[in-house]
Amino acid sequence: MKLRTALALAATALLCLGAAQPAAAQQKTLKNQIVGTWSFVSTVNTRPDGSKVDPWGAGATGSLIYHPNGRFSFMIMRGDIPKFEREKGTPEQFKAATQGLIAYHGTYRVDEPSKTIVHKVLGSSFAAFNGTEVKRTITSVTADELKYTNTTSSFGTTVNSNWKRAK
């Protein structure tokens, strides 16, 4: 009887392990989870003194696109950029437009163990980014939400960004 019980328990354990294996095999990599188009939700910059600031303000919009082939495109713009004709803008309007937008594109890779996305910037509205690699640490990713942190921003702040999957 004890042998029969032991065999039944062993068979049950094997069945459970076998059932769990397909689920593990189906788990998506981080790269597979981030592929697609994301819409900007929010960014909070934390300064070294602990104070927080929203650099984009109310009404900001943006897109982050990760293509399966390793290419990406990123853009965020403030909602309060003044409207003006391109050929007739004042220096102040051009300054507000330039300071209210960041856009860049290039290639990316995902370091699965460190949960890091590395953007290799090929072209940017902020030329100092051109040719650089910028790292983002994924803090959370679901089917509908991507959150990441940039601990080495060009502003000297820690940046926490939140994106939602574009529908």
Foldseek 3Di string as FASTA:
>chain_A
DVVVVVVVVVVVVVVVVVVVVVVVVPDDFLLVQPAAKWKFDFKWWQAPVRDIDTQQDPPKIWMWHAHPVFKIKIKIFHRPQDDDDPVDDDPVSVVSRLSGMKIFIAGWDADRVQQKIWGQTCDMSPRVSHRHIFIWHWPDTDNFKTWTWGCPDPVNTIMITIITHDD
